Structure formats: structure tokens, C-alpha cells
Amino acid sequence: LYEYGVSRDVFANFAVNAHRNASTNPNAMLGFPITEEAYLNSPPVAEPLTLLDCCPTGDGSASVVLCPRERAHEFTDKPIHIRASAIATDSLALHNRRRLLELRASYESAQKAYAQAGLGPADIDIFEVHDAFTIMACCSLEACGFAEPGQGWRLAADGEIGLDGKLPLATMGGLKARGHPVGTTGLYQIVELTQQLRGEAGPNQVPNAQIGMSQSVGGSGATIVTHILEAG
């Protein structure tokens, strides 16, 4: 907020979008919509973050079935192909990082994944971001090349992260409202991307989604894994 001269309300639409999508997801922990007014009146947790900036944690489970590409059609008529899978790391200690607002591991893992897949940010139809906090969604958008530094919030403000937007985020509620079952959160993202790419996301379906990307984060950005999936 200090570095870019913005107020905390620029994060409101990240939370509003996540809750709106969670309200039609029967598996969501916080399956109710919120308003921008409710967000702005939310009690502080660690200023400037408030309760409605932060995700809930809980129990959960998810699973995926992997097989060689050439055998996929033996098991399903809607295979999802892994175009890329990449990991990058950074210092766990925030004070050792070059810039506090830069998720370097997010940038590096995304760049590796783009190179593996032969794709770029403009090719991504859905981004399942690790939005444990609204600021993480904002910084991840910037690190992955969807926005310039300090401008990630504009995608939310302009409605581009909604289900019918330019880059849908948190399509089933994300960590923010679907919930953060910690050890299995990354698999939740893969399952939800699979539902989207198969056209099986029900009221949360993103129209014509063909390529999806997910990022799972550990240690406040010390380890970040990026996956790019494509409908078969």
C-alpha cells in the first residue's frame, strides 16, 4: 500500500470474487457471498489484512489418477494432459529476499512452466492461484506475467477475475473461501482445474476453458509449484 500509494480496498474484489464462486460450491468451507462493504468493515487480523482477507484452514482430501498419455483414453473420454510442471524456491526468511513484494519463486516456476508448455500468460484460460491471503493473489498475478508490478489489483477491480472475465481466479472459491486444507490444497486446485477443463464445473463453469494453470505455495513463497493442464 505504501510503495504503490493505494488503499486496502483494492483487495476487496479478490475476496468478493472468491466468496461469490464459493457460494455455488457445495464443498466450500465459507460458501456464502460477501459484499465490498462487509469486506471493508471486517475486523483486523494483522493490519492491513482483515478477517476477510484471510483463508480458513481445515481438513480435506483430494486425489488424481495419473497414467501415460497414450493410455488415457482407456480410462476416460475426457483426458486432461499435463503440459508443464515446474518448481522453484526462494529464501524462507522474508528479510533475505530482494524485494518483499516480489514472489521470485512464483516468477521462476511460472517461466519454467511456460517454457515447458510452449505457452505464455495470454494462453491461460483459468488461473487457480494460492490465495491464502488476498495480497498473495495480487502478487502472484504480477509474478506470473498477468500484470505489471503494483498493478495486479486492477484485474480484480475491472472484473477480469470473474468466471466470465479475462482470467478467472478461484473458480470454486479458492483457498480464500473454498478453504485451505493445507497438505492437499495443491491437489484441490488440480481437481478443480480438471472439472473446469472437462466442462463439469456446474454453475462455476468457465466458458470454453481449454488451458488452466495452478500455483501451490509453501513457506510464504519459499517453494512454489506451477502446473499447466490442457483439455484432451
C-alpha atoms as a PDB file:
ATOM      1  CA  LEU A   1       0.000   0.000   0.000  1.00  0.00           C
ATOM      2  CA  TYR A   2       2.847   2.346   0.881  1.00  0.00           C
ATOM      3  CA  GLU A   3       5.009   1.531  -2.128  1.00  0.00           C
ATOM      4  CA  TYR A   4       2.279   1.965  -4.734  1.00  0.00           C
ATOM      5  CA  GLY A   5       0.104   4.552  -2.994  1.00  0.00           C
ATOM      6  CA  VAL A   6      -3.124   2.554  -2.915  1.00  0.00           C
ATOM      7  CA  SER A   7      -5.642   1.856  -0.160  1.00  0.00           C
ATOM      8  CA  ARG A   8      -6.505  -1.595   1.137  1.00  0.00           C
ATOM      9  CA  ASP A   9      -9.894  -1.564  -0.588  1.00  0.00           C
ATOM     10  CA  VAL A  10      -8.101  -2.507  -3.833  1.00  0.00           C
ATOM     11  CA  PHE A  11      -8.012  -6.072  -2.485  1.00  0.00           C
ATOM     12  CA  ALA A  12     -11.778  -6.197  -1.909  1.00  0.00           C
ATOM     13  CA  ASN A  13     -12.725  -7.785  -5.220  1.00  0.00           C
ATOM     14  CA  PHE A  14     -10.352 -10.704  -4.695  1.00  0.00           C
ATOM     15  CA  ALA A  15     -12.348 -11.652  -1.598  1.00  0.00           C
ATOM     16  CA  VAL A  16     -15.736 -10.810  -3.124  1.00  0.00           C
ATOM     17  CA  ASN A  17     -14.987 -12.924  -6.213  1.00  0.00           C
ATOM     18  CA  ALA A  18     -13.796 -15.909  -4.169  1.00  0.00           C
ATOM     19  CA  HIS A  19     -16.874 -15.870  -1.941  1.00  0.00           C
ATOM     20  CA  ARG A  20     -19.221 -15.445  -4.898  1.00  0.00           C
ATOM     21  CA  ASN A  21     -17.765 -18.568  -6.503  1.00  0.00           C
ATOM     22  CA  ALA A  22     -17.741 -20.481  -3.216  1.00  0.00           C
ATOM     23  CA  SER A  23     -21.446 -19.775  -2.737  1.00  0.00           C
ATOM     24  CA  THR A  24     -22.234 -22.247  -5.549  1.00  0.00           C
ATOM     25  CA  ASN A  25     -19.655 -24.835  -4.474  1.00  0.00           C
ATOM     26  CA  PRO A  26     -21.170 -27.388  -2.056  1.00  0.00           C
ATOM     27  CA  ASN A  27     -17.684 -28.327  -0.823  1.00  0.00           C
ATOM     28  CA  ALA A  28     -16.715 -24.807   0.208  1.00  0.00           C
ATOM     29  CA  MET A  29     -15.965 -24.015   3.846  1.00  0.00           C
ATOM     30  CA  LEU A  30     -17.205 -20.430   3.502  1.00  0.00           C
ATOM     31  CA  GLY A  31     -19.967 -20.962   0.982  1.00  0.00           C
ATOM     32  CA  PHE A  32     -21.602 -17.563   1.238  1.00  0.00           C
ATOM     33  CA  PRO A  33     -21.260 -14.331  -0.738  1.00  0.00           C
ATOM     34  CA  ILE A  34     -19.896 -11.144   0.786  1.00  0.00           C
ATOM     35  CA  THR A  35     -20.207  -7.508  -0.197  1.00  0.00           C
ATOM     36  CA  GLU A  36     -17.478  -4.940  -0.573  1.00  0.00           C
ATOM     37  CA  GLU A  37     -18.996  -3.136   2.412  1.00  0.00           C
ATOM     38  CA  ALA A  38     -18.664  -6.270   4.555  1.00  0.00           C
ATOM     39  CA  TYR A  39     -15.062  -6.596   3.431  1.00  0.00           C
ATOM     40  CA  LEU A  40     -14.234  -3.008   4.332  1.00  0.00           C
ATOM     41  CA  ASN A  41     -15.827  -3.416   7.778  1.00  0.00           C
ATOM     42  CA  SER A  42     -14.086  -6.717   8.511  1.00  0.00           C
ATOM     43  CA  PRO A  43     -12.068  -6.771  11.772  1.00  0.00           C
ATOM     44  CA  PRO A  44      -8.267  -6.609  11.545  1.00  0.00           C
ATOM     45  CA  VAL A  45      -6.096  -9.713  11.834  1.00  0.00           C
ATOM     46  CA  ALA A  46      -2.658  -8.271  11.048  1.00  0.00           C
ATOM     47  CA  GLU A  47      -3.050  -4.817   9.567  1.00  0.00           C
ATOM     48  CA  PRO A  48      -3.689  -4.060   6.824  1.00  0.00           C
ATOM     49  CA  LEU A  49      -5.102  -7.593   6.440  1.00  0.00           C
ATOM     50  CA  THR A  50      -8.513  -8.249   7.937  1.00  0.00           C
ATOM     51  CA  LEU A  51     -10.550 -11.374   8.588  1.00  0.00           C
ATOM     52  CA  LEU A  52     -11.986 -11.331   5.071  1.00  0.00           C
ATOM     53  CA  ASP A  53      -8.521 -11.136   3.525  1.00  0.00           C
ATOM     54  CA  CYS A  54      -7.533 -14.450   5.103  1.00  0.00           C
ATOM     55  CA  CYS A  55      -8.428 -18.037   4.238  1.00  0.00           C
ATOM     56  CA  PRO A  56      -9.805 -20.668   6.619  1.00  0.00           C
ATOM     57  CA  THR A  57      -7.830 -23.867   7.156  1.00  0.00           C
ATOM     58  CA  GLY A  58      -9.372 -27.273   7.714  1.00  0.00           C
ATOM     59  CA  ASP A  59      -9.368 -30.951   6.869  1.00  0.00           C
ATOM     60  CA  GLY A  60      -9.892 -32.243   3.361  1.00  0.00           C
ATOM     61  CA  SER A  61      -8.813 -34.798   0.808  1.00  0.00           C
ATOM     62  CA  ALA A  62      -8.401 -34.965  -2.937  1.00  0.00           C
ATOM     63  CA  SER A  63      -6.948 -37.447  -5.391  1.00  0.00           C
ATOM     64  CA  VAL A  64      -5.956 -37.663  -9.024  1.00  0.00           C
ATOM     65  CA  VAL A  65      -5.261 -40.605 -11.320  1.00  0.00           C
ATOM     66  CA  LEU A  66      -2.150 -40.350 -13.489  1.00  0.00           C
ATOM     67  CA  CYS A  67      -1.338 -42.514 -16.491  1.00  0.00           C
ATOM     68  CA  PRO A  68       0.739 -42.317 -19.681  1.00  0.00           C
ATOM     69  CA  ARG A  69      -0.806 -40.021 -22.278  1.00  0.00           C
ATOM     70  CA  GLU A  70      -1.156 -42.842 -24.798  1.00  0.00           C
ATOM     71  CA  ARG A  71      -3.299 -44.853 -22.359  1.00  0.00           C
ATOM     72  CA  ALA A  72      -5.544 -42.059 -21.123  1.00  0.00           C
ATOM     73  CA  HIS A  73      -8.439 -42.948 -23.420  1.00  0.00           C
ATOM     74  CA  GLU A  74      -8.586 -46.411 -21.865  1.00  0.00           C
ATOM     75  CA  PHE A  75      -9.890 -44.797 -18.691  1.00  0.00           C
ATOM     76  CA  THR A  76     -11.803 -41.687 -19.746  1.00  0.00           C
ATOM     77  CA  ASP A  77     -13.151 -39.960 -22.806  1.00  0.00           C
ATOM     78  CA  LYS A  78     -12.178 -36.599 -21.266  1.00  0.00           C
ATOM     79  CA  PRO A  79      -8.454 -36.851 -20.515  1.00  0.00           C
ATOM     80  CA  ILE A  80      -6.589 -33.867 -19.149  1.00  0.00           C
ATOM     81  CA  HIS A  81      -2.996 -33.540 -20.285  1.00  0.00           C
ATOM     82  CA  ILE A  82      -0.145 -32.169 -18.180  1.00  0.00           C
ATOM     83  CA  ARG A  83       1.579 -29.605 -20.381  1.00  0.00           C
ATOM     84  CA  ALA A  84       4.023 -28.480 -17.700  1.00  0.00           C
ATOM     85  CA  SER A  85       5.063 -28.975 -14.099  1.00  0.00           C
ATOM     86  CA  ALA A  86       7.785 -26.819 -12.569  1.00  0.00           C
ATOM     87  CA  ILE A  87       9.114 -25.894  -9.143  1.00  0.00           C
ATOM     88  CA  ALA A  88      11.226 -23.010  -7.877  1.00  0.00           C
ATOM     89  CA  THR A  89      12.448 -21.917  -4.471  1.00  0.00           C
ATOM     90  CA  ASP A  90      13.381 -18.729  -2.656  1.00  0.00           C
ATOM     91  CA  SER A  91      14.645 -17.766   0.775  1.00  0.00           C
ATOM     92  CA  LEU A  92      12.281 -18.783   3.566  1.00  0.00           C
ATOM     93  CA  ALA A  93      13.287 -15.707   5.579  1.00  0.00           C
ATOM     94  CA  LEU A  94      11.460 -12.710   4.157  1.00  0.00           C
ATOM     95  CA  HIS A  95      14.223 -10.318   5.228  1.00  0.00           C
ATOM     96  CA  ASN A  96      16.667 -12.157   2.953  1.00  0.00           C
ATOM     97  CA  ARG A  97      14.608 -11.552  -0.185  1.00  0.00           C
ATOM     98  CA  ARG A  98      15.455  -8.884  -2.713  1.00  0.00           C
ATOM     99  CA  ARG A  99      12.020  -7.297  -2.573  1.00  0.00           C
ATOM    100  CA  LEU A 100       9.234  -8.057  -0.123  1.00  0.00           C
ATOM    101  CA  LEU A 101       6.571  -7.588  -2.791  1.00  0.00           C
ATOM    102  CA  GLU A 102       8.245  -9.880  -5.320  1.00  0.00           C
ATOM    103  CA  LEU A 103       7.377 -13.588  -5.354  1.00  0.00           C
ATOM    104  CA  ARG A 104      10.562 -14.646  -7.098  1.00  0.00           C
ATOM    105  CA  ALA A 105       9.808 -18.363  -6.882  1.00  0.00           C
ATOM    106  CA  SER A 106       6.392 -17.713  -8.412  1.00  0.00           C
ATOM    107  CA  TYR A 107       8.029 -15.917 -11.317  1.00  0.00           C
ATOM    108  CA  GLU A 108      10.690 -18.570 -11.847  1.00  0.00           C
ATOM    109  CA  SER A 109       8.363 -21.568 -11.635  1.00  0.00           C
ATOM    110  CA  ALA A 110       5.884 -19.887 -13.985  1.00  0.00           C
ATOM    111  CA  GLN A 111       8.630 -19.097 -16.500  1.00  0.00           C
ATOM    112  CA  LYS A 112       9.835 -22.706 -16.399  1.00  0.00           C
ATOM    113  CA  ALA A 113       6.270 -23.951 -16.901  1.00  0.00           C
ATOM    114  CA  TYR A 114       5.612 -21.567 -19.796  1.00  0.00           C
ATOM    115  CA  ALA A 115       8.817 -22.757 -21.460  1.00  0.00           C
ATOM    116  CA  GLN A 116       7.912 -26.436 -20.994  1.00  0.00           C
ATOM    117  CA  ALA A 117       4.440 -25.913 -22.409  1.00  0.00           C
ATOM    118  CA  GLY A 118       5.450 -23.545 -25.190  1.00  0.00           C
ATOM    119  CA  LEU A 119       2.850 -21.104 -23.897  1.00  0.00           C
ATOM    120  CA  GLY A 120       2.659 -17.672 -22.298  1.00  0.00           C
ATOM    121  CA  PRO A 121       0.341 -15.791 -19.937  1.00  0.00           C
ATOM    122  CA  ALA A 122      -2.009 -14.859 -22.783  1.00  0.00           C
ATOM    123  CA  ASP A 123      -2.722 -18.552 -23.441  1.00  0.00           C
ATOM    124  CA  ILE A 124      -4.048 -19.288 -19.945  1.00  0.00           C
ATOM    125  CA  ASP A 125      -7.843 -19.522 -19.630  1.00  0.00           C
ATOM    126  CA  ILE A 126      -8.002 -20.111 -15.850  1.00  0.00           C
ATOM    127  CA  PHE A 127      -5.543 -19.464 -13.041  1.00  0.00           C
ATOM    128  CA  GLU A 128      -6.045 -21.301  -9.760  1.00  0.00           C
ATOM    129  CA  VAL A 129      -3.938 -19.107  -7.540  1.00  0.00           C
ATOM    130  CA  HIS A 130      -2.753 -19.796  -3.976  1.00  0.00           C
ATOM    131  CA  ASP A 131      -4.904 -17.044  -2.470  1.00  0.00           C
ATOM    132  CA  ALA A 132      -4.363 -17.843   1.204  1.00  0.00           C
ATOM    133  CA  PHE A 133      -4.441 -14.055   1.571  1.00  0.00           C
ATOM    134  CA  THR A 134      -5.764 -11.540  -0.935  1.00  0.00           C
ATOM    135  CA  ILE A 135      -2.335  -9.955  -1.289  1.00  0.00           C
ATOM    136  CA  MET A 136      -0.950 -13.333  -2.422  1.00  0.00           C
ATOM    137  CA  ALA A 137      -3.393 -13.413  -5.323  1.00  0.00           C
ATOM    138  CA  CYS A 138      -2.350  -9.917  -6.317  1.00  0.00           C
ATOM    139  CA  CYS A 139       1.395 -10.604  -6.114  1.00  0.00           C
ATOM    140  CA  SER A 140       1.017 -13.925  -7.950  1.00  0.00           C
ATOM    141  CA  LEU A 141      -0.720 -12.247 -10.877  1.00  0.00           C
ATOM    142  CA  GLU A 142       2.204  -9.877 -11.173  1.00  0.00           C
ATOM    143  CA  ALA A 143       4.879 -12.555 -10.760  1.00  0.00           C
ATOM    144  CA  CYS A 144       3.305 -14.787 -13.417  1.00  0.00           C
ATOM    145  CA  GLY A 145       3.158 -12.055 -16.031  1.00  0.00           C
ATOM    146  CA  PHE A 146      -0.550 -11.276 -15.981  1.00  0.00           C
ATOM    147  CA  ALA A 147       0.027  -7.752 -14.658  1.00  0.00           C
ATOM    148  CA  GLU A 148       2.853  -5.288 -14.164  1.00  0.00           C
ATOM    149  CA  PRO A 149       4.325  -4.831 -10.661  1.00  0.00           C
ATOM    150  CA  GLY A 150       1.888  -2.945  -8.476  1.00  0.00           C
ATOM    151  CA  GLN A 151      -0.980  -3.416 -10.942  1.00  0.00           C
ATOM    152  CA  GLY A 152      -2.332  -6.889 -10.143  1.00  0.00           C
ATOM    153  CA  TRP A 153      -5.220  -5.420  -8.182  1.00  0.00           C
ATOM    154  CA  ARG A 154      -6.569  -3.793 -11.354  1.00  0.00           C
ATOM    155  CA  LEU A 155      -7.590  -7.170 -12.799  1.00  0.00           C
ATOM    156  CA  ALA A 156      -9.854  -7.643  -9.786  1.00  0.00           C
ATOM    157  CA  ALA A 157     -11.127  -4.066  -9.813  1.00  0.00           C
ATOM    158  CA  ASP A 158     -12.011  -4.345 -13.512  1.00  0.00           C
ATOM    159  CA  GLY A 159     -13.894  -7.628 -13.043  1.00  0.00           C
ATOM    160  CA  GLU A 160     -11.397  -9.615 -15.107  1.00  0.00           C
ATOM    161  CA  ILE A 161     -11.017 -12.380 -12.490  1.00  0.00           C
ATOM    162  CA  GLY A 162     -14.689 -13.395 -12.567  1.00  0.00           C
ATOM    163  CA  LEU A 163     -15.952 -16.563 -14.235  1.00  0.00           C
ATOM    164  CA  ASP A 164     -16.685 -14.610 -17.415  1.00  0.00           C
ATOM    165  CA  GLY A 165     -13.599 -12.418 -17.162  1.00  0.00           C
ATOM    166  CA  LYS A 166     -10.287 -12.337 -18.976  1.00  0.00           C
ATOM    167  CA  LEU A 167      -8.550 -14.504 -16.369  1.00  0.00           C
ATOM    168  CA  PRO A 168     -10.889 -16.314 -13.949  1.00  0.00           C
ATOM    169  CA  LEU A 169      -9.393 -16.917 -10.496  1.00  0.00           C
ATOM    170  CA  ALA A 170     -10.560 -19.051  -7.589  1.00  0.00           C
ATOM    171  CA  THR A 171     -13.325 -20.523  -9.724  1.00  0.00           C
ATOM    172  CA  MET A 172     -14.601 -22.782  -6.927  1.00  0.00           C
ATOM    173  CA  GLY A 173     -13.837 -20.291  -4.167  1.00  0.00           C
ATOM    174  CA  GLY A 174     -10.074 -20.660  -3.953  1.00  0.00           C
ATOM    175  CA  LEU A 175      -8.230 -21.000  -0.678  1.00  0.00           C
ATOM    176  CA  LYS A 176      -9.930 -17.813   0.441  1.00  0.00           C
ATOM    177  CA  ALA A 177     -13.451 -19.231   0.544  1.00  0.00           C
ATOM    178  CA  ARG A 178     -13.399 -22.868  -0.578  1.00  0.00           C
ATOM    179  CA  GLY A 179     -10.827 -23.327   2.162  1.00  0.00           C
ATOM    180  CA  HIS A 180      -7.209 -24.310   2.654  1.00  0.00           C
ATOM    181  CA  PRO A 181      -6.787 -27.984   3.667  1.00  0.00           C
ATOM    182  CA  VAL A 182      -3.020 -27.322   3.619  1.00  0.00           C
ATOM    183  CA  GLY A 183      -1.398 -30.654   2.658  1.00  0.00           C
ATOM    184  CA  THR A 184      -3.940 -31.380  -0.062  1.00  0.00           C
ATOM    185  CA  THR A 185      -4.605 -27.832  -1.263  1.00  0.00           C
ATOM    186  CA  GLY A 186      -2.464 -28.270  -4.366  1.00  0.00           C
ATOM    187  CA  LEU A 187      -4.458 -31.346  -5.365  1.00  0.00           C
ATOM    188  CA  TYR A 188      -7.717 -29.472  -4.809  1.00  0.00           C
ATOM    189  CA  GLN A 189      -6.526 -26.989  -7.413  1.00  0.00           C
ATOM    190  CA  ILE A 190      -5.756 -29.791  -9.876  1.00  0.00           C
ATOM    191  CA  VAL A 191      -9.146 -31.437  -9.312  1.00  0.00           C
ATOM    192  CA  GLU A 192     -10.928 -28.121  -9.802  1.00  0.00           C
ATOM    193  CA  LEU A 193      -8.967 -27.366 -12.962  1.00  0.00           C
ATOM    194  CA  THR A 194      -9.840 -30.835 -14.244  1.00  0.00           C
ATOM    195  CA  GLN A 195     -13.536 -30.177 -13.621  1.00  0.00           C
ATOM    196  CA  GLN A 196     -13.276 -26.891 -15.494  1.00  0.00           C
ATOM    197  CA  LEU A 197     -11.385 -28.307 -18.465  1.00  0.00           C
ATOM    198  CA  ARG A 198     -13.856 -31.187 -18.730  1.00  0.00           C
ATOM    199  CA  GLY A 199     -16.830 -28.833 -18.605  1.00  0.00           C
ATOM    200  CA  GLU A 200     -18.005 -30.399 -15.344  1.00  0.00           C
ATOM    201  CA  ALA A 201     -17.876 -27.382 -13.021  1.00  0.00           C
ATOM    202  CA  GLY A 202     -21.645 -26.796 -12.983  1.00  0.00           C
ATOM    203  CA  PRO A 203     -22.671 -23.236 -12.096  1.00  0.00           C
ATOM    204  CA  ASN A 204     -18.990 -22.333 -11.706  1.00  0.00           C
ATOM    205  CA  GLN A 205     -18.064 -23.343 -15.244  1.00  0.00           C
ATOM    206  CA  VAL A 206     -15.750 -21.039 -17.170  1.00  0.00           C
ATOM    207  CA  PRO A 207     -16.943 -20.930 -20.809  1.00  0.00           C
ATOM    208  CA  ASN A 208     -14.691 -22.642 -23.359  1.00  0.00           C
ATOM    209  CA  ALA A 209     -11.833 -23.283 -20.946  1.00  0.00           C
ATOM    210  CA  GLN A 210      -9.047 -25.268 -22.620  1.00  0.00           C
ATOM    211  CA  ILE A 211      -5.852 -24.421 -20.722  1.00  0.00           C
ATOM    212  CA  GLY A 212      -5.561 -23.941 -16.979  1.00  0.00           C
ATOM    213  CA  MET A 213      -2.713 -23.083 -14.652  1.00  0.00           C
ATOM    214  CA  SER A 214      -2.304 -23.605 -10.925  1.00  0.00           C
ATOM    215  CA  GLN A 215       0.276 -22.475  -8.402  1.00  0.00           C
ATOM    216  CA  SER A 216       0.709 -24.045  -4.996  1.00  0.00           C
ATOM    217  CA  VAL A 217       2.784 -22.171  -2.438  1.00  0.00           C
ATOM    218  CA  GLY A 218       4.700 -23.219   0.639  1.00  0.00           C
ATOM    219  CA  GLY A 219       6.551 -21.150   3.210  1.00  0.00           C
ATOM    220  CA  SER A 220       5.176 -17.717   2.220  1.00  0.00           C
ATOM    221  CA  GLY A 221       6.611 -18.193  -1.245  1.00  0.00           C
ATOM    222  CA  ALA A 222       9.754 -20.163  -0.389  1.00  0.00           C
ATOM    223  CA  THR A 223       8.636 -23.102  -2.555  1.00  0.00           C
ATOM    224  CA  ILE A 224       6.211 -22.699  -5.440  1.00  0.00           C
ATOM    225  CA  VAL A 225       4.982 -25.316  -7.907  1.00  0.00           C
ATOM    226  CA  THR A 226       3.290 -24.379 -11.173  1.00  0.00           C
ATOM    227  CA  HIS A 227       1.220 -26.778 -13.275  1.00  0.00           C
ATOM    228  CA  ILE A 228      -0.288 -26.148 -16.694  1.00  0.00           C
ATOM    229  CA  LEU A 229      -3.065 -28.504 -17.803  1.00  0.00           C
ATOM    230  CA  GLU A 230      -4.869 -28.808 -21.122  1.00  0.00           C
ATOM    231  CA  ALA A 231      -8.144 -30.411 -22.107  1.00  0.00           C
ATOM    232  CA  GLY A 232      -7.667 -33.515 -24.228  1.00  0.00           C
END
